[in-house]
N, C-alpha and C. Protein backbone atom coordinates (compact mmCIF):
# COMPACT_ATOMS: atom_id res chain seq x y z
N MET A 1 69.73 83.45 1.67
CA MET A 1 69.59 84.46 2.71
C MET A 1 68.11 84.45 2.71
N PHE A 2 67.31 84.80 1.67
CA PHE A 2 65.84 85.24 1.94
C PHE A 2 65.27 83.71 1.31
N SER A 3 63.99 83.41 1.61
CA SER A 3 63.16 82.11 1.06
C SER A 3 62.64 82.99 -0.28
N LYS A 4 62.07 82.37 -0.93
CA LYS A 4 60.80 82.96 -2.20
C LYS A 4 59.91 83.41 -1.68
N GLN A 5 59.38 82.99 -0.47
CA GLN A 5 58.12 83.35 -0.08
C GLN A 5 58.56 84.73 0.76
N GLU A 6 59.63 84.94 1.45
CA GLU A 6 59.94 86.28 2.04
C GLU A 6 60.28 87.04 0.80
N LYS A 7 60.89 86.98 -0.18
CA LYS A 7 61.40 87.68 -1.19
C LYS A 7 60.04 88.09 -1.70
N ALA A 8 58.96 87.22 -2.11
CA ALA A 8 57.74 87.70 -2.37
C ALA A 8 56.83 89.03 -1.39
N ASN A 9 56.65 88.48 -0.37
CA ASN A 9 56.39 89.42 1.12
C ASN A 9 57.14 90.77 1.25
N PHE A 10 58.43 90.59 0.73
CA PHE A 10 59.25 91.87 0.70
C PHE A 10 58.54 92.88 -0.36
N SER A 11 58.55 92.33 -1.65
CA SER A 11 58.06 93.25 -2.62
C SER A 11 56.97 93.79 -2.63
N ARG A 12 56.03 92.83 -2.03
CA ARG A 12 54.52 93.48 -1.58
C ARG A 12 54.40 94.29 -0.41
N TYR A 13 55.51 94.43 0.26
CA TYR A 13 55.36 95.32 1.47
C TYR A 13 56.32 96.45 1.05
N TRP A 14 57.37 96.42 0.62
CA TRP A 14 57.71 97.66 0.48
C TRP A 14 57.05 98.62 -0.78
N LYS A 15 56.54 97.77 -1.92
CA LYS A 15 55.51 98.70 -2.73
C LYS A 15 54.36 98.91 -2.28
N GLY A 16 53.81 98.57 -1.19
CA GLY A 16 52.61 99.01 -0.74
C GLY A 16 52.76 100.35 0.19
N VAL A 17 53.84 100.46 0.97
CA VAL A 17 54.29 101.44 1.93
C VAL A 17 54.89 102.52 0.88
N PHE A 18 55.54 102.31 -0.22
CA PHE A 18 56.34 103.11 -0.60
C PHE A 18 55.10 104.24 -1.24
N LYS A 19 54.06 103.62 -2.17
CA LYS A 19 53.17 104.68 -2.37
C LYS A 19 52.42 105.22 -1.39
N TYR A 20 52.38 104.98 -0.16
CA TYR A 20 51.71 105.97 0.75
C TYR A 20 52.65 107.03 0.99
N ILE A 21 53.92 106.73 1.40
CA ILE A 21 54.70 107.66 1.65
C ILE A 21 54.97 108.61 0.60
N PHE A 22 55.08 108.28 -0.65
CA PHE A 22 55.63 109.09 -1.71
C PHE A 22 54.45 110.02 -2.14
N PHE A 23 53.18 109.67 -2.04
CA PHE A 23 52.20 110.28 -2.07
C PHE A 23 51.80 111.75 -1.19
N VAL A 24 52.18 110.98 0.34
CA VAL A 24 52.20 112.11 1.11
C VAL A 24 53.26 113.00 1.35
N LEU A 25 54.15 113.00 1.04
CA LEU A 25 55.59 113.72 0.28
C LEU A 25 55.35 114.53 -0.61
N PHE A 26 55.01 113.79 -1.41
CA PHE A 26 54.57 114.77 -2.95
C PHE A 26 53.22 115.97 -2.40
N GLY A 27 52.52 115.47 -2.09
CA GLY A 27 51.66 116.36 -1.39
C GLY A 27 51.96 117.23 -0.78
N PHE A 28 52.63 117.32 0.23
CA PHE A 28 53.52 118.31 1.34
C PHE A 28 54.08 119.18 0.54
N SER A 29 55.16 118.75 -0.58
CA SER A 29 56.06 119.49 -1.45
C SER A 29 54.88 120.17 -2.41
N ALA A 30 53.98 119.82 -2.86
CA ALA A 30 53.05 120.62 -3.79
C ALA A 30 52.58 121.60 -3.07
N LEU A 31 51.92 121.47 -1.92
CA LEU A 31 51.58 122.61 -0.97
C LEU A 31 52.59 123.62 -0.78
N ARG A 32 53.84 123.12 -0.37
CA ARG A 32 54.70 124.08 -0.06
C ARG A 32 55.12 124.96 -1.33
N VAL A 33 55.17 124.69 -2.72
CA VAL A 33 55.02 125.16 -3.63
C VAL A 33 53.81 126.01 -3.95
N ALA A 34 52.65 125.89 -3.86
CA ALA A 34 51.42 126.31 -4.27
C ALA A 34 51.41 127.72 -3.08
N LEU A 35 52.16 127.36 -1.55
CA LEU A 35 51.90 128.44 -0.69
C LEU A 35 53.09 129.47 -0.83
N LEU A 36 54.36 128.99 -1.62
CA LEU A 36 54.91 129.99 -1.95
C LEU A 36 54.96 131.12 -3.47
N PHE A 37 53.62 130.61 -4.45
CA PHE A 37 53.37 131.20 -5.32
C PHE A 37 51.92 132.24 -4.55
N LEU A 38 51.08 131.34 -3.89
CA LEU A 38 50.15 132.45 -2.95
C LEU A 38 50.46 133.42 -2.32
N TYR A 39 51.88 133.22 -1.71
CA TYR A 39 52.25 134.48 -0.92
C TYR A 39 53.20 135.45 -1.20
N ASP A 40 53.42 135.39 -3.02
CA ASP A 40 54.37 136.00 -3.67
C ASP A 40 55.86 135.78 -3.33
N ASP A 41 56.21 134.64 -3.05
CA ASP A 41 57.41 134.24 -2.89
C ASP A 41 58.19 133.33 -4.08
N ALA A 42 57.08 133.61 -4.98
CA ALA A 42 57.60 132.84 -6.33
C ALA A 42 59.33 132.67 -7.00
N GLU A 43 59.66 133.78 -6.66
CA GLU A 43 61.32 133.81 -7.05
C GLU A 43 62.05 132.88 -6.38
N ASN A 44 61.60 132.23 -5.15
CA ASN A 44 62.45 130.99 -4.63
C ASN A 44 61.98 129.88 -5.37
N VAL A 45 61.15 129.52 -5.98
CA VAL A 45 60.87 128.42 -6.97
C VAL A 45 61.68 128.48 -8.42
N THR A 46 62.34 127.20 -8.66
CA THR A 46 62.81 127.29 -10.00
C THR A 46 62.31 125.44 -10.19
N LEU A 47 62.64 125.36 -11.47
CA LEU A 47 62.83 123.90 -11.90
C LEU A 47 63.82 123.19 -11.46
N PHE A 48 64.80 123.60 -11.10
CA PHE A 48 66.13 122.75 -10.27
C PHE A 48 65.44 122.67 -8.98
N SER A 49 64.65 123.60 -7.98
CA SER A 49 64.27 123.41 -7.03
C SER A 49 63.23 122.37 -6.69
N ILE A 50 62.24 122.06 -7.96
CA ILE A 50 61.32 121.33 -8.06
C ILE A 50 62.09 119.94 -8.06
N LEU A 51 62.81 120.11 -9.21
CA LEU A 51 63.25 118.74 -9.51
C LEU A 51 64.07 117.97 -8.42
N THR A 52 64.78 119.00 -7.72
CA THR A 52 65.85 118.19 -6.60
C THR A 52 64.83 117.84 -5.40
N GLY A 53 63.58 118.50 -5.28
CA GLY A 53 62.62 117.94 -4.25
C GLY A 53 61.90 116.69 -4.34
N ILE A 54 61.68 116.55 -5.97
CA ILE A 54 60.65 115.63 -6.22
C ILE A 54 62.02 114.25 -6.06
N LEU A 55 63.44 114.43 -6.27
CA LEU A 55 64.58 113.43 -6.23
C LEU A 55 64.39 112.95 -5.02
N ILE A 56 64.67 114.03 -4.05
CA ILE A 56 64.59 113.70 -2.41
C ILE A 56 63.52 112.91 -1.81
N ILE A 57 62.37 113.08 -2.55
CA ILE A 57 61.08 112.50 -1.92
C ILE A 57 61.41 111.06 -2.45
N GLY A 58 61.66 110.82 -3.75
CA GLY A 58 61.60 109.68 -4.27
C GLY A 58 62.75 108.74 -3.68
N VAL A 59 63.94 109.33 -3.51
CA VAL A 59 64.77 108.17 -3.05
C VAL A 59 64.75 108.01 -1.46
N GLY A 60 64.24 109.10 -0.73
CA GLY A 60 63.86 109.04 1.01
C GLY A 60 62.67 107.69 0.76
N SER A 61 61.75 108.18 0.17
CA SER A 61 60.53 107.20 0.35
C SER A 61 60.83 105.97 -0.17
N VAL A 62 61.58 105.35 -1.14
CA VAL A 62 62.33 104.05 -1.32
C VAL A 62 62.91 103.85 -0.15
N LEU A 63 64.05 104.59 0.26
CA LEU A 63 64.89 104.29 1.41
C LEU A 63 64.12 103.50 2.92
N VAL A 64 63.01 104.35 3.09
CA VAL A 64 62.10 104.39 4.09
C VAL A 64 61.15 103.01 3.90
N SER A 65 60.89 103.21 2.55
CA SER A 65 60.13 101.86 2.51
C SER A 65 60.48 100.49 2.66
N VAL A 66 62.06 100.49 1.90
CA VAL A 66 62.90 99.08 2.28
C VAL A 66 63.22 98.83 3.63
N LEU A 67 63.19 99.83 4.45
CA LEU A 67 63.53 99.47 6.09
C LEU A 67 62.16 99.20 6.41
N ILE A 68 61.07 99.41 6.29
CA ILE A 68 59.92 98.91 6.94
C ILE A 68 59.77 97.86 6.48
N ALA A 69 59.93 97.46 5.26
CA ALA A 69 59.72 96.07 4.56
C ALA A 69 60.46 95.14 5.12
N LEU A 70 61.86 95.44 5.52
CA LEU A 70 62.81 94.43 6.16
C LEU A 70 62.45 94.07 7.61
N MET A 71 62.07 95.30 8.26
CA MET A 71 61.64 94.99 9.34
C MET A 71 60.54 94.16 9.49
N ALA A 72 59.65 94.05 8.61
CA ALA A 72 58.15 93.35 8.60
C ALA A 72 58.51 91.94 8.15
N ILE A 73 59.54 91.97 7.53
CA ILE A 73 60.08 90.34 7.39
C ILE A 73 60.83 89.65 8.55
N PHE A 74 61.72 90.57 8.93
CA PHE A 74 62.40 89.98 10.20
C PHE A 74 61.81 90.11 11.16
N LYS A 75 60.36 90.43 11.29
CA LYS A 75 59.43 90.21 12.54
C LYS A 75 58.71 89.03 12.11
N GLU A 76 58.54 88.57 10.98
CA GLU A 76 57.61 87.29 10.78
C GLU A 76 58.50 86.08 11.21
N ARG A 77 60.03 86.11 11.03
CA ARG A 77 60.68 84.95 10.92
C ARG A 77 60.80 84.51 12.75
């Protein structure tokens, strides 16, 4: 279905896009937690909620990155 060149391009695209999306979303999550602590709403922050947020950020970033990489590959065709 995909040539070797397309597979190499896909790998390069999704890794490049993932890096930026993940760090932006991770930054927003860290800012949210910091603001909760700053405004004395820290009782809403648990280890489970932080881990769940990181999991959602990771999975969401991978899915969006793969979709963007696939769009780029199909656009090159």
